Amino acid sequence: MKFAVSKGETSAADLTTRIFEIKGQGAAETTKRTTAALLEANPHIKDVTKIPPGTIIVIPDLPDNPTVRAPQTAGVGDKLDGHLKIAVKQSAEVIGKSVEEREAVANGTIEALKNRQRREFARH
């Protein structure tokens, strides 16, 4: 698995063309296909313009992807790759639980505010 680091790109296509060597006939279609694969491998990227420079980008290992520009990437061994996948999965689970807890608190607050006696009590 290889990684790159965002450098403040303003579009997903800009990120793709910086990471991958794409040229020649069919470059536009290759850029489109490769950009889709890159975004799929990086669910944390919803909007490239909103990710800070220095964000780690996972470069998908797909056989039909163009050549990766080596100076901007780093490879990791299988052991570290496994640890990173576990860490990312666990992080997603923790974030999901945190969101659920915050939603429960917010919903409880909303329900409490709907109660007329509580609203009257809060006014005094």
PDB file of N, CA and C in Angstrom:
ATOM      1  N   MET A   1       0.853  -1.169   0.000  1.00  0.00           N
ATOM      2  CA  MET A   1       0.000   0.000   0.000  1.00  0.00           C
ATOM      3  C   MET A   1       0.897   1.230   0.000  1.00  0.00           C
ATOM      4  N   LYS A   2       0.452   2.247  -0.743  1.00  0.00           N
ATOM      5  CA  LYS A   2       1.197   3.493  -0.819  1.00  0.00           C
ATOM      6  C   LYS A   2       0.327   4.638  -0.332  1.00  0.00           C
ATOM      7  N   PHE A   3       1.008   5.694   0.080  1.00  0.00           N
ATOM      8  CA  PHE A   3       0.322   6.876   0.588  1.00  0.00           C
ATOM      9  C   PHE A   3       0.911   8.110  -0.071  1.00  0.00           C
ATOM     10  N   ALA A   4       0.107   9.148  -0.100  1.00  0.00           N
ATOM     11  CA  ALA A   4       0.557  10.468  -0.515  1.00  0.00           C
ATOM     12  C   ALA A   4       0.054  11.447   0.536  1.00  0.00           C
ATOM     13  N   VAL A   5       0.486  12.663   0.434  1.00  0.00           N
ATOM     14  CA  VAL A   5       0.077  13.697   1.374  1.00  0.00           C
ATOM     15  C   VAL A   5      -0.514  14.844   0.570  1.00  0.00           C
ATOM     16  N   SER A   6      -1.699  15.301   0.993  1.00  0.00           N
ATOM     17  CA  SER A   6      -2.330  16.410   0.272  1.00  0.00           C
ATOM     18  C   SER A   6      -1.477  17.667   0.422  1.00  0.00           C
ATOM     19  N   LYS A   7      -1.535  18.478  -0.620  1.00  0.00           N
ATOM     20  CA  LYS A   7      -0.757  19.715  -0.620  1.00  0.00           C
ATOM     21  C   LYS A   7      -1.634  20.927  -0.917  1.00  0.00           C
ATOM     22  N   GLY A   8      -2.920  20.817  -0.535  1.00  0.00           N
ATOM     23  CA  GLY A   8      -3.823  21.941  -0.740  1.00  0.00           C
ATOM     24  C   GLY A   8      -4.443  21.970  -2.123  1.00  0.00           C
ATOM     25  N   GLU A   9      -4.607  20.806  -2.760  1.00  0.00           N
ATOM     26  CA  GLU A   9      -5.229  20.756  -4.074  1.00  0.00           C
ATOM     27  C   GLU A   9      -6.640  21.320  -4.003  1.00  0.00           C
ATOM     28  N   THR A  10      -7.092  21.876  -5.129  1.00  0.00           N
ATOM     29  CA  THR A  10      -8.406  22.500  -5.157  1.00  0.00           C
ATOM     30  C   THR A  10      -9.467  21.628  -5.819  1.00  0.00           C
ATOM     31  N   SER A  11      -9.069  20.462  -6.315  1.00  0.00           N
ATOM     32  CA  SER A  11     -10.056  19.532  -6.888  1.00  0.00           C
ATOM     33  C   SER A  11      -9.513  18.114  -6.781  1.00  0.00           C
ATOM     34  N   ALA A  12     -10.422  17.158  -6.862  1.00  0.00           N
ATOM     35  CA  ALA A  12     -10.018  15.754  -6.822  1.00  0.00           C
ATOM     36  C   ALA A  12      -9.174  15.415  -8.038  1.00  0.00           C
ATOM     37  N   ALA A  13      -9.498  16.008  -9.184  1.00  0.00           N
ATOM     38  CA  ALA A  13      -8.711  15.754 -10.392  1.00  0.00           C
ATOM     39  C   ALA A  13      -7.281  16.284 -10.232  1.00  0.00           C
ATOM     40  N   ASP A  14      -7.123  17.459  -9.598  1.00  0.00           N
ATOM     41  CA  ASP A  14      -5.781  17.995  -9.340  1.00  0.00           C
ATOM     42  C   ASP A  14      -4.974  17.047  -8.458  1.00  0.00           C
ATOM     43  N   LEU A  15      -5.627  16.502  -7.432  1.00  0.00           N
ATOM     44  CA  LEU A  15      -4.963  15.550  -6.542  1.00  0.00           C
ATOM     45  C   LEU A  15      -4.539  14.309  -7.331  1.00  0.00           C
ATOM     46  N   THR A  16      -5.429  13.822  -8.163  1.00  0.00           N
ATOM     47  CA  THR A  16      -5.138  12.631  -8.967  1.00  0.00           C
ATOM     48  C   THR A  16      -3.957  12.859  -9.896  1.00  0.00           C
ATOM     49  N   THR A  17      -3.960  13.980 -10.606  1.00  0.00           N
ATOM     50  CA  THR A  17      -2.876  14.217 -11.566  1.00  0.00           C
ATOM     51  C   THR A  17      -1.544  14.517 -10.880  1.00  0.00           C
ATOM     52  N   ARG A  18      -1.593  14.969  -9.619  1.00  0.00           N
ATOM     53  CA  ARG A  18      -0.332  15.151  -8.898  1.00  0.00           C
ATOM     54  C   ARG A  18       0.221  13.810  -8.438  1.00  0.00           C
ATOM     55  N   ILE A  19      -0.650  12.906  -8.044  1.00  0.00           N
ATOM     56  CA  ILE A  19      -0.211  11.614  -7.516  1.00  0.00           C
ATOM     57  C   ILE A  19       0.161  10.635  -8.633  1.00  0.00           C
ATOM     58  N   PHE A  20      -0.619  10.647  -9.717  1.00  0.00           N
ATOM     59  CA  PHE A  20      -0.431   9.672 -10.790  1.00  0.00           C
ATOM     60  C   PHE A  20       0.146  10.313 -12.047  1.00  0.00           C
ATOM     61  N   GLU A  21       0.908   9.542 -12.773  1.00  0.00           N
ATOM     62  CA  GLU A  21       1.473   9.945 -14.057  1.00  0.00           C
ATOM     63  C   GLU A  21       0.420   9.614 -15.119  1.00  0.00           C
ATOM     64  N   ILE A  22      -0.334  10.616 -15.551  1.00  0.00           N
ATOM     65  CA  ILE A  22      -1.407  10.401 -16.526  1.00  0.00           C
ATOM     66  C   ILE A  22      -1.142  11.304 -17.726  1.00  0.00           C
ATOM     67  N   LYS A  23      -0.957  10.678 -18.892  1.00  0.00           N
ATOM     68  CA  LYS A  23      -0.730  11.464 -20.105  1.00  0.00           C
ATOM     69  C   LYS A  23      -1.095  10.631 -21.319  1.00  0.00           C
ATOM     70  N   GLY A  24      -1.177  11.288 -22.442  1.00  0.00           N
ATOM     71  CA  GLY A  24      -1.455  10.595 -23.686  1.00  0.00           C
ATOM     72  C   GLY A  24      -2.934  10.495 -23.995  1.00  0.00           C
ATOM     73  N   GLN A  25      -3.224   9.709 -25.021  1.00  0.00           N
ATOM     74  CA  GLN A  25      -4.598   9.536 -25.461  1.00  0.00           C
ATOM     75  C   GLN A  25      -5.416   8.859 -24.364  1.00  0.00           C
ATOM     76  N   GLY A  26      -6.593   9.385 -24.140  1.00  0.00           N
ATOM     77  CA  GLY A  26      -7.467   8.827 -23.106  1.00  0.00           C
ATOM     78  C   GLY A  26      -7.144   9.325 -21.714  1.00  0.00           C
ATOM     79  N   ALA A  27      -6.315  10.355 -21.598  1.00  0.00           N
ATOM     80  CA  ALA A  27      -5.906  10.866 -20.282  1.00  0.00           C
ATOM     81  C   ALA A  27      -7.109  11.378 -19.476  1.00  0.00           C
ATOM     82  N   ALA A  28      -8.059  12.006 -20.139  1.00  0.00           N
ATOM     83  CA  ALA A  28      -9.227  12.546 -19.419  1.00  0.00           C
ATOM     84  C   ALA A  28     -10.039  11.412 -18.797  1.00  0.00           C
ATOM     85  N   GLU A  29     -10.273  10.350 -19.555  1.00  0.00           N
ATOM     86  CA  GLU A  29     -11.028   9.206 -19.040  1.00  0.00           C
ATOM     87  C   GLU A  29     -10.251   8.486 -17.938  1.00  0.00           C
ATOM     88  N   THR A  30      -8.936   8.352 -18.124  1.00  0.00           N
ATOM     89  CA  THR A  30      -8.096   7.715 -17.109  1.00  0.00           C
ATOM     90  C   THR A  30      -8.112   8.534 -15.825  1.00  0.00           C
ATOM     91  N   THR A  31      -8.048   9.861 -15.950  1.00  0.00           N
ATOM     92  CA  THR A  31      -8.101  10.735 -14.778  1.00  0.00           C
ATOM     93  C   THR A  31      -9.423  10.558 -14.046  1.00  0.00           C
ATOM     94  N   LYS A  32     -10.518  10.498 -14.785  1.00  0.00           N
ATOM     95  CA  LYS A  32     -11.841  10.328 -14.182  1.00  0.00           C
ATOM     96  C   LYS A  32     -11.931   9.005 -13.420  1.00  0.00           C
ATOM     97  N   ARG A  33     -11.504   7.920 -14.065  1.00  0.00           N
ATOM     98  CA  ARG A  33     -11.575   6.584 -13.460  1.00  0.00           C
ATOM     99  C   ARG A  33     -10.658   6.495 -12.237  1.00  0.00           C
ATOM    100  N   THR A  34      -9.462   7.047 -12.367  1.00  0.00           N
ATOM    101  CA  THR A  34      -8.498   6.993 -11.275  1.00  0.00           C
ATOM    102  C   THR A  34      -8.944   7.867 -10.109  1.00  0.00           C
ATOM    103  N   THR A  35      -9.541   9.007 -10.393  1.00  0.00           N
ATOM    104  CA  THR A  35     -10.070   9.881  -9.344  1.00  0.00           C
ATOM    105  C   THR A  35     -11.161   9.166  -8.557  1.00  0.00           C
ATOM    106  N   ALA A  36     -12.040   8.465  -9.261  1.00  0.00           N
ATOM    107  CA  ALA A  36     -13.109   7.716  -8.581  1.00  0.00           C
ATOM    108  C   ALA A  36     -12.517   6.654  -7.659  1.00  0.00           C
ATOM    109  N   ALA A  37     -11.493   5.938  -8.124  1.00  0.00           N
ATOM    110  CA  ALA A  37     -10.842   4.910  -7.295  1.00  0.00           C
ATOM    111  C   ALA A  37     -10.149   5.547  -6.096  1.00  0.00           C
ATOM    112  N   LEU A  38      -9.536   6.705  -6.305  1.00  0.00           N
ATOM    113  CA  LEU A  38      -8.840   7.403  -5.221  1.00  0.00           C
ATOM    114  C   LEU A  38      -9.830   7.860  -4.148  1.00  0.00           C
ATOM    115  N   LEU A  39     -10.948   8.409  -4.551  1.00  0.00           N
ATOM    116  CA  LEU A  39     -11.956   8.858  -3.587  1.00  0.00           C
ATOM    117  C   LEU A  39     -12.601   7.684  -2.860  1.00  0.00           C
ATOM    118  N   GLU A  40     -12.786   6.577  -3.553  1.00  0.00           N
ATOM    119  CA  GLU A  40     -13.358   5.387  -2.915  1.00  0.00           C
ATOM    120  C   GLU A  40     -12.410   4.829  -1.851  1.00  0.00           C
ATOM    121  N   ALA A  41     -11.112   4.916  -2.112  1.00  0.00           N
ATOM    122  CA  ALA A  41     -10.121   4.420  -1.154  1.00  0.00           C
ATOM    123  C   ALA A  41      -9.934   5.375   0.025  1.00  0.00           C
ATOM    124  N   ASN A  42     -10.491   6.587  -0.076  1.00  0.00           N
ATOM    125  CA  ASN A  42     -10.331   7.613   0.954  1.00  0.00           C
ATOM    126  C   ASN A  42     -11.677   8.199   1.358  1.00  0.00           C
ATOM    127  N   PRO A  43     -12.474   7.428   2.091  1.00  0.00           N
ATOM    128  CA  PRO A  43     -13.808   7.922   2.452  1.00  0.00           C
ATOM    129  C   PRO A  43     -13.779   9.178   3.321  1.00  0.00           C
ATOM    130  N   HIS A  44     -12.618   9.487   3.919  1.00  0.00           N
ATOM    131  CA  HIS A  44     -12.510  10.693   4.729  1.00  0.00           C
ATOM    132  C   HIS A  44     -12.451  11.955   3.869  1.00  0.00           C
ATOM    133  N   ILE A  45     -12.333  11.789   2.565  1.00  0.00           N
ATOM    134  CA  ILE A  45     -12.291  12.939   1.659  1.00  0.00           C
ATOM    135  C   ILE A  45     -13.660  13.102   1.021  1.00  0.00           C
ATOM    136  N   LYS A  46     -14.419  14.034   1.524  1.00  0.00           N
ATOM    137  CA  LYS A  46     -15.723  14.344   0.943  1.00  0.00           C
ATOM    138  C   LYS A  46     -15.579  15.508  -0.036  1.00  0.00           C
ATOM    139  N   ASP A  47     -14.738  16.456   0.323  1.00  0.00           N
ATOM    140  CA  ASP A  47     -14.513  17.642  -0.491  1.00  0.00           C
ATOM    141  C   ASP A  47     -13.028  17.970  -0.404  1.00  0.00           C
ATOM    142  N   VAL A  48     -12.324  17.794  -1.515  1.00  0.00           N
ATOM    143  CA  VAL A  48     -10.874  18.002  -1.532  1.00  0.00           C
ATOM    144  C   VAL A  48     -10.498  19.403  -1.102  1.00  0.00           C
ATOM    145  N   THR A  49     -11.334  20.383  -1.401  1.00  0.00           N
ATOM    146  CA  THR A  49     -11.006  21.763  -1.059  1.00  0.00           C
ATOM    147  C   THR A  49     -11.054  22.013   0.449  1.00  0.00           C
ATOM    148  N   LYS A  50     -11.648  21.068   1.199  1.00  0.00           N
ATOM    149  CA  LYS A  50     -11.770  21.264   2.640  1.00  0.00           C
ATOM    150  C   LYS A  50     -10.815  20.393   3.449  1.00  0.00           C
ATOM    151  N   ILE A  51      -9.942  19.629   2.795  1.00  0.00           N
ATOM    152  CA  ILE A  51      -8.982  18.848   3.570  1.00  0.00           C
ATOM    153  C   ILE A  51      -7.705  19.668   3.706  1.00  0.00           C
ATOM    154  N   PRO A  52      -7.148  19.716   4.893  1.00  0.00           N
ATOM    155  CA  PRO A  52      -5.950  20.528   5.089  1.00  0.00           C
ATOM    156  C   PRO A  52      -4.733  19.888   4.439  1.00  0.00           C
ATOM    157  N   PRO A  53      -3.807  20.723   3.988  1.00  0.00           N
ATOM    158  CA  PRO A  53      -2.552  20.174   3.482  1.00  0.00           C
ATOM    159  C   PRO A  53      -1.919  19.293   4.565  1.00  0.00           C
ATOM    160  N   GLY A  54      -1.337  18.198   4.141  1.00  0.00           N
ATOM    161  CA  GLY A  54      -0.720  17.274   5.084  1.00  0.00           C
ATOM    162  C   GLY A  54      -1.601  16.077   5.397  1.00  0.00           C
ATOM    163  N   THR A  55      -2.840  16.074   4.894  1.00  0.00           N
ATOM    164  CA  THR A  55      -3.731  14.942   5.106  1.00  0.00           C
ATOM    165  C   THR A  55      -3.194  13.731   4.350  1.00  0.00           C
ATOM    166  N   ILE A  56      -3.194  12.582   5.004  1.00  0.00           N
ATOM    167  CA  ILE A  56      -2.698  11.362   4.366  1.00  0.00           C
ATOM    168  C   ILE A  56      -3.749  10.833   3.398  1.00  0.00           C
ATOM    169  N   ILE A  57      -3.296  10.509   2.203  1.00  0.00           N
ATOM    170  CA  ILE A  57      -4.140   9.980   1.139  1.00  0.00           C
ATOM    171  C   ILE A  57      -3.698   8.555   0.848  1.00  0.00           C
ATOM    172  N   VAL A  58      -4.633   7.615   0.906  1.00  0.00           N
ATOM    173  CA  VAL A  58      -4.341   6.229   0.571  1.00  0.00           C
ATOM    174  C   VAL A  58      -4.395   6.097  -0.945  1.00  0.00           C
ATOM    175  N   ILE A  59      -3.356   5.513  -1.517  1.00  0.00           N
ATOM    176  CA  ILE A  59      -3.328   5.276  -2.952  1.00  0.00           C
ATOM    177  C   ILE A  59      -3.773   3.838  -3.181  1.00  0.00           C
ATOM    178  N   PRO A  60      -4.915   3.648  -3.855  1.00  0.00           N
ATOM    179  CA  PRO A  60      -5.434   2.288  -4.028  1.00  0.00           C
ATOM    180  C   PRO A  60      -4.526   1.444  -4.919  1.00  0.00           C
ATOM    181  N   ASP A  61      -4.412   0.174  -4.577  1.00  0.00           N
ATOM    182  CA  ASP A  61      -3.623  -0.765  -5.361  1.00  0.00           C
ATOM    183  C   ASP A  61      -4.544  -1.454  -6.360  1.00  0.00           C
ATOM    184  N   LEU A  62      -4.737  -0.817  -7.486  1.00  0.00           N
ATOM    185  CA  LEU A  62      -5.577  -1.386  -8.527  1.00  0.00           C
ATOM    186  C   LEU A  62      -4.718  -1.638  -9.765  1.00  0.00           C
ATOM    187  N   PRO A  63      -4.885  -2.780 -10.409  1.00  0.00           N
ATOM    188  CA  PRO A  63      -4.025  -3.118 -11.547  1.00  0.00           C
ATOM    189  C   PRO A  63      -4.132  -2.162 -12.729  1.00  0.00           C
ATOM    190  N   ASP A  64      -5.280  -1.521 -12.906  1.00  0.00           N
ATOM    191  CA  ASP A  64      -5.442  -0.640 -14.060  1.00  0.00           C
ATOM    192  C   ASP A  64      -5.156   0.829 -13.761  1.00  0.00           C
ATOM    193  N   ASN A  65      -4.668   1.128 -12.546  1.00  0.00           N
ATOM    194  CA  ASN A  65      -4.300   2.509 -12.233  1.00  0.00           C
ATOM    195  C   ASN A  65      -3.011   2.878 -12.960  1.00  0.00           C
ATOM    196  N   PRO A  66      -2.870   4.144 -13.304  1.00  0.00           N
ATOM    197  CA  PRO A  66      -1.617   4.581 -13.927  1.00  0.00           C
ATOM    198  C   PRO A  66      -0.468   4.549 -12.926  1.00  0.00           C
ATOM    199  N   THR A  67       0.723   4.759 -13.411  1.00  0.00           N
ATOM    200  CA  THR A  67       1.927   4.760 -12.585  1.00  0.00           C
ATOM    201  C   THR A  67       1.865   5.872 -11.542  1.00  0.00           C
ATOM    202  N   VAL A  68       2.318   5.545 -10.336  1.00  0.00           N
ATOM    203  CA  VAL A  68       2.343   6.521  -9.248  1.00  0.00           C
ATOM    204  C   VAL A  68       3.637   7.318  -9.333  1.00  0.00           C
ATOM    205  N   ARG A  69       3.526   8.616  -9.126  1.00  0.00           N
ATOM    206  CA  ARG A  69       4.717   9.478  -9.099  1.00  0.00           C
ATOM    207  C   ARG A  69       5.447   9.207  -7.779  1.00  0.00           C
ATOM    208  N   ALA A  70       6.552   8.531  -7.832  1.00  0.00           N
ATOM    209  CA  ALA A  70       7.263   8.042  -6.653  1.00  0.00           C
ATOM    210  C   ALA A  70       7.673   9.108  -5.635  1.00  0.00           C
ATOM    211  N   PRO A  71       8.165  10.284  -6.019  1.00  0.00           N
ATOM    212  CA  PRO A  71       8.638  11.226  -5.001  1.00  0.00           C
ATOM    213  C   PRO A  71       7.576  11.680  -4.009  1.00  0.00           C
ATOM    214  N   GLN A  72       6.292  11.540  -4.342  1.00  0.00           N
ATOM    215  CA  GLN A  72       5.234  12.036  -3.475  1.00  0.00           C
ATOM    216  C   GLN A  72       4.591  10.946  -2.646  1.00  0.00           C
ATOM    217  N   THR A  73       5.092   9.759  -2.713  1.00  0.00           N
ATOM    218  CA  THR A  73       4.453   8.650  -2.031  1.00  0.00           C
ATOM    219  C   THR A  73       5.447   7.873  -1.196  1.00  0.00           C
ATOM    220  N   ALA A  74       4.896   7.073  -0.310  1.00  0.00           N
ATOM    221  CA  ALA A  74       5.726   6.191   0.508  1.00  0.00           C
ATOM    222  C   ALA A  74       5.012   4.854   0.625  1.00  0.00           C
ATOM    223  N   GLY A  75       5.748   3.773   0.518  1.00  0.00           N
ATOM    224  CA  GLY A  75       5.161   2.457   0.665  1.00  0.00           C
ATOM    225  C   GLY A  75       5.339   1.973   2.098  1.00  0.00           C
ATOM    226  N   VAL A  76       4.490   1.087   2.520  1.00  0.00           N
ATOM    227  CA  VAL A  76       4.617   0.487   3.845  1.00  0.00           C
ATOM    228  C   VAL A  76       4.618  -1.017   3.690  1.00  0.00           C
ATOM    229  N   GLY A  77       5.190  -1.680   4.635  1.00  0.00           N
ATOM    230  CA  GLY A  77       5.218  -3.133   4.603  1.00  0.00           C
ATOM    231  C   GLY A  77       3.867  -3.729   4.950  1.00  0.00           C
ATOM    232  N   ASP A  78       3.762  -5.051   4.727  1.00  0.00           N
ATOM    233  CA  ASP A  78       2.498  -5.738   4.990  1.00  0.00           C
ATOM    234  C   ASP A  78       2.067  -5.636   6.449  1.00  0.00           C
ATOM    235  N   LYS A  79       3.018  -5.706   7.369  1.00  0.00           N
ATOM    236  CA  LYS A  79       2.674  -5.664   8.791  1.00  0.00           C
ATOM    237  C   LYS A  79       2.075  -4.304   9.161  1.00  0.00           C
ATOM    238  N   LEU A  80       2.748  -3.226   8.751  1.00  0.00           N
ATOM    239  CA  LEU A  80       2.237  -1.884   9.042  1.00  0.00           C
ATOM    240  C   LEU A  80       0.922  -1.640   8.308  1.00  0.00           C
ATOM    241  N   ASP A  81       0.818  -2.153   7.104  1.00  0.00           N
ATOM    242  CA  ASP A  81      -0.417  -2.029   6.339  1.00  0.00           C
ATOM    243  C   ASP A  81      -1.580  -2.629   7.121  1.00  0.00           C
ATOM    244  N   GLY A  82      -1.381  -3.808   7.691  1.00  0.00           N
ATOM    245  CA  GLY A  82      -2.424  -4.454   8.490  1.00  0.00           C
ATOM    246  C   GLY A  82      -2.796  -3.640   9.707  1.00  0.00           C
ATOM    247  N   HIS A  83      -1.790  -3.100  10.388  1.00  0.00           N
ATOM    248  CA  HIS A  83      -2.049  -2.276  11.573  1.00  0.00           C
ATOM    249  C   HIS A  83      -2.824  -1.007  11.206  1.00  0.00           C
ATOM    250  N   LEU A  84      -2.460  -0.392  10.091  1.00  0.00           N
ATOM    251  CA  LEU A  84      -3.157   0.824   9.655  1.00  0.00           C
ATOM    252  C   LEU A  84      -4.614   0.541   9.327  1.00  0.00           C
ATOM    253  N   LYS A  85      -4.879  -0.578   8.657  1.00  0.00           N
ATOM    254  CA  LYS A  85      -6.262  -0.927   8.323  1.00  0.00           C
ATOM    255  C   LYS A  85      -7.091  -1.131   9.587  1.00  0.00           C
ATOM    256  N   ILE A  86      -6.511  -1.804  10.577  1.00  0.00           N
ATOM    257  CA  ILE A  86      -7.215  -2.025  11.849  1.00  0.00           C
ATOM    258  C   ILE A  86      -7.473  -0.692  12.543  1.00  0.00           C
ATOM    259  N   ALA A  87      -6.462   0.176  12.563  1.00  0.00           N
ATOM    260  CA  ALA A  87      -6.598   1.474  13.232  1.00  0.00           C
ATOM    261  C   ALA A  87      -7.684   2.324  12.571  1.00  0.00           C
ATOM    262  N   VAL A  88      -7.713   2.329  11.250  1.00  0.00           N
ATOM    263  CA  VAL A  88      -8.726   3.107  10.539  1.00  0.00           C
ATOM    264  C   VAL A  88     -10.112   2.560  10.833  1.00  0.00           C
ATOM    265  N   LYS A  89     -10.262   1.232  10.816  1.00  0.00           N
ATOM    266  CA  LYS A  89     -11.559   0.619  11.099  1.00  0.00           C
ATOM    267  C   LYS A  89     -12.017   0.954  12.517  1.00  0.00           C
ATOM    268  N   GLN A  90     -11.099   0.831  13.485  1.00  0.00           N
ATOM    269  CA  GLN A  90     -11.463   1.121  14.867  1.00  0.00           C
ATOM    270  C   GLN A  90     -11.801   2.592  15.052  1.00  0.00           C
ATOM    271  N   SER A  91     -11.083   3.467  14.377  1.00  0.00           N
ATOM    272  CA  SER A  91     -11.375   4.899  14.462  1.00  0.00           C
ATOM    273  C   SER A  91     -12.774   5.193  13.947  1.00  0.00           C
ATOM    274  N   ALA A  92     -13.139   4.569  12.843  1.00  0.00           N
ATOM    275  CA  ALA A  92     -14.470   4.775  12.283  1.00  0.00           C
ATOM    276  C   ALA A  92     -15.544   4.305  13.265  1.00  0.00           C
ATOM    277  N   GLU A  93     -15.299   3.183  13.927  1.00  0.00           N
ATOM    278  CA  GLU A  93     -16.266   2.661  14.901  1.00  0.00           C
ATOM    279  C   GLU A  93     -16.416   3.610  16.085  1.00  0.00           C
ATOM    280  N   VAL A  94     -15.302   4.130  16.580  1.00  0.00           N
ATOM    281  CA  VAL A  94     -15.335   5.050  17.716  1.00  0.00           C
ATOM    282  C   VAL A  94     -16.063   6.339  17.337  1.00  0.00           C
ATOM    283  N   ILE A  95     -15.781   6.851  16.162  1.00  0.00           N
ATOM    284  CA  ILE A  95     -16.450   8.068  15.712  1.00  0.00           C
ATOM    285  C   ILE A  95     -17.946   7.816  15.569  1.00  0.00           C
ATOM    286  N   GLY A  96     -18.309   6.666  15.011  1.00  0.00           N
ATOM    287  CA  GLY A  96     -19.728   6.326  14.867  1.00  0.00           C
ATOM    288  C   GLY A  96     -20.429   6.273  16.206  1.00  0.00           C
ATOM    289  N   LYS A  97     -19.803   5.651  17.205  1.00  0.00           N
ATOM    290  CA  LYS A  97     -20.408   5.571  18.543  1.00  0.00           C
ATOM    291  C   LYS A  97     -20.534   6.960  19.156  1.00  0.00           C
ATOM    292  N   SER A  98     -19.531   7.787  18.964  1.00  0.00           N
ATOM    293  CA  SER A  98     -19.568   9.141  19.507  1.00  0.00           C
ATOM    294  C   SER A  98     -20.718   9.933  18.897  1.00  0.00           C
ATOM    295  N   VAL A  99     -20.897   9.803  17.598  1.00  0.00           N
ATOM    296  CA  VAL A  99     -21.988  10.504  16.925  1.00  0.00           C
ATOM    297  C   VAL A  99     -23.329  10.016  17.461  1.00  0.00           C
ATOM    298  N   GLU A 100     -23.473   8.701  17.629  1.00  0.00           N
ATOM    299  CA  GLU A 100     -24.724   8.148  18.161  1.00  0.00           C
ATOM    300  C   GLU A 100     -25.018   8.692  19.556  1.00  0.00           C
ATOM    301  N   GLU A 101     -23.988   8.766  20.404  1.00  0.00           N
ATOM    302  CA  GLU A 101     -24.177   9.281  21.761  1.00  0.00           C
ATOM    303  C   GLU A 101     -24.593  10.744  21.743  1.00  0.00           C
ATOM    304  N   ARG A 102     -23.963  11.528  20.894  1.00  0.00           N
ATOM    305  CA  ARG A 102     -24.305  12.956  20.806  1.00  0.00           C
ATOM    306  C   ARG A 102     -25.717  13.150  20.268  1.00  0.00           C
ATOM    307  N   GLU A 103     -26.104  12.313  19.312  1.00  0.00           N
ATOM    308  CA  GLU A 103     -27.472  12.388  18.795  1.00  0.00           C
ATOM    309  C   GLU A 103     -28.476  12.044  19.889  1.00  0.00           C
ATOM    310  N   ALA A 104     -28.164  11.047  20.710  1.00  0.00           N
ATOM    311  CA  ALA A 104     -29.072  10.650  21.795  1.00  0.00           C
ATOM    312  C   ALA A 104     -29.234  11.796  22.794  1.00  0.00           C
ATOM    313  N   VAL A 105     -28.138  12.462  23.132  1.00  0.00           N
ATOM    314  CA  VAL A 105     -28.203  13.591  24.059  1.00  0.00           C
ATOM    315  C   VAL A 105     -29.028  14.726  23.444  1.00  0.00           C
ATOM    316  N   ALA A 106     -28.779  15.018  22.181  1.00  0.00           N
ATOM    317  CA  ALA A 106     -29.525  16.087  21.510  1.00  0.00           C
ATOM    318  C   ALA A 106     -31.018  15.758  21.445  1.00  0.00           C
ATOM    319  N   ASN A 107     -31.321  14.511  21.113  1.00  0.00           N
ATOM    320  CA  ASN A 107     -32.735  14.103  21.048  1.00  0.00           C
ATOM    321  C   ASN A 107     -33.391  14.181  22.431  1.00  0.00           C
ATOM    322  N   GLY A 108     -32.654  13.818  23.479  1.00  0.00           N
ATOM    323  CA  GLY A 108     -33.178  13.933  24.839  1.00  0.00           C
ATOM    324  C   GLY A 108     -33.460  15.376  25.211  1.00  0.00           C
ATOM    325  N   THR A 109     -32.577  16.251  24.823  1.00  0.00           N
ATOM    326  CA  THR A 109     -32.761  17.678  25.087  1.00  0.00           C
ATOM    327  C   THR A 109     -33.983  18.213  24.343  1.00  0.00           C
ATOM    328  N   ILE A 110     -34.123  17.811  23.102  1.00  0.00           N
ATOM    329  CA  ILE A 110     -35.276  18.252  22.307  1.00  0.00           C
ATOM    330  C   ILE A 110     -36.575  17.774  22.946  1.00  0.00           C
ATOM    331  N   GLU A 111     -36.598  16.517  23.357  1.00  0.00           N
ATOM    332  CA  GLU A 111     -37.800  15.974  24.000  1.00  0.00           C
ATOM    333  C   GLU A 111     -38.102  16.712  25.301  1.00  0.00           C
ATOM    334  N   ALA A 112     -37.052  17.022  26.071  1.00  0.00           N
ATOM    335  CA  ALA A 112     -37.261  17.752  27.326  1.00  0.00           C
ATOM    336  C   ALA A 112     -37.836  19.137  27.064  1.00  0.00           C
ATOM    337  N   LEU A 113     -37.395  19.771  25.992  1.00  0.00           N
ATOM    338  CA  LEU A 113     -37.889  21.111  25.656  1.00  0.00           C
ATOM    339  C   LEU A 113     -39.338  21.089  25.168  1.00  0.00           C
ATOM    340  N   LYS A 114     -39.773  19.960  24.683  1.00  0.00           N
ATOM    341  CA  LYS A 114     -41.165  19.835  24.230  1.00  0.00           C
ATOM    342  C   LYS A 114     -42.150  19.759  25.392  1.00  0.00           C
ATOM    343  N   ASN A 115     -41.664  19.407  26.563  1.00  0.00           N
ATOM    344  CA  ASN A 115     -42.520  19.251  27.735  1.00  0.00           C
ATOM    345  C   ASN A 115     -42.897  20.634  28.263  1.00  0.00           C
ATOM    346  N   ARG A 116     -44.190  20.927  28.312  1.00  0.00           N
ATOM    347  CA  ARG A 116     -44.692  22.238  28.719  1.00  0.00           C
ATOM    348  C   ARG A 116     -44.290  22.594  30.145  1.00  0.00           C
ATOM    349  N   GLN A 117     -44.419  21.647  31.092  1.00  0.00           N
ATOM    350  CA  GLN A 117     -44.081  21.930  32.489  1.00  0.00           C
ATOM    351  C   GLN A 117     -42.604  22.276  32.627  1.00  0.00           C
ATOM    352  N   ARG A 118     -41.749  21.623  31.894  1.00  0.00           N
ATOM    353  CA  ARG A 118     -40.294  21.912  31.960  1.00  0.00           C
ATOM    354  C   ARG A 118     -40.011  23.291  31.383  1.00  0.00           C
ATOM    355  N   ARG A 119     -40.683  23.639  30.304  1.00  0.00           N
ATOM    356  CA  ARG A 119     -40.486  24.973  29.724  1.00  0.00           C
ATOM    357  C   ARG A 119     -40.920  26.039  30.717  1.00  0.00           C
ATOM    358  N   GLU A 120     -42.043  25.846  31.360  1.00  0.00           N
ATOM    359  CA  GLU A 120     -42.532  26.797  32.368  1.00  0.00           C
ATOM    360  C   GLU A 120     -41.543  26.895  33.525  1.00  0.00           C
ATOM    361  N   PHE A 121     -41.033  25.765  33.970  1.00  0.00           N
ATOM    362  CA  PHE A 121     -40.076  25.738  35.081  1.00  0.00           C
ATOM    363  C   PHE A 121     -38.804  26.493  34.680  1.00  0.00           C
ATOM    364  N   ALA A 122     -38.345  26.292  33.443  1.00  0.00           N
ATOM    365  CA  ALA A 122     -37.116  26.934  32.956  1.00  0.00           C
ATOM    366  C   ALA A 122     -37.269  28.446  32.863  1.00  0.00           C
ATOM    367  N   ARG A 123     -38.474  28.932  32.629  1.00  0.00           N
ATOM    368  CA  ARG A 123     -38.704  30.373  32.525  1.00  0.00           C
ATOM    369  C   ARG A 123     -38.580  31.068  33.886  1.00  0.00           C
ATOM    370  N   HIS A 124     -38.802  30.342  34.980  1.00  0.00           N
ATOM    371  CA  HIS A 124     -38.793  30.968  36.316  1.00  0.00           C
ATOM    372  C   HIS A 124     -37.517  30.748  37.000  1.00  0.00           C
TER     373      HIS A 124
END
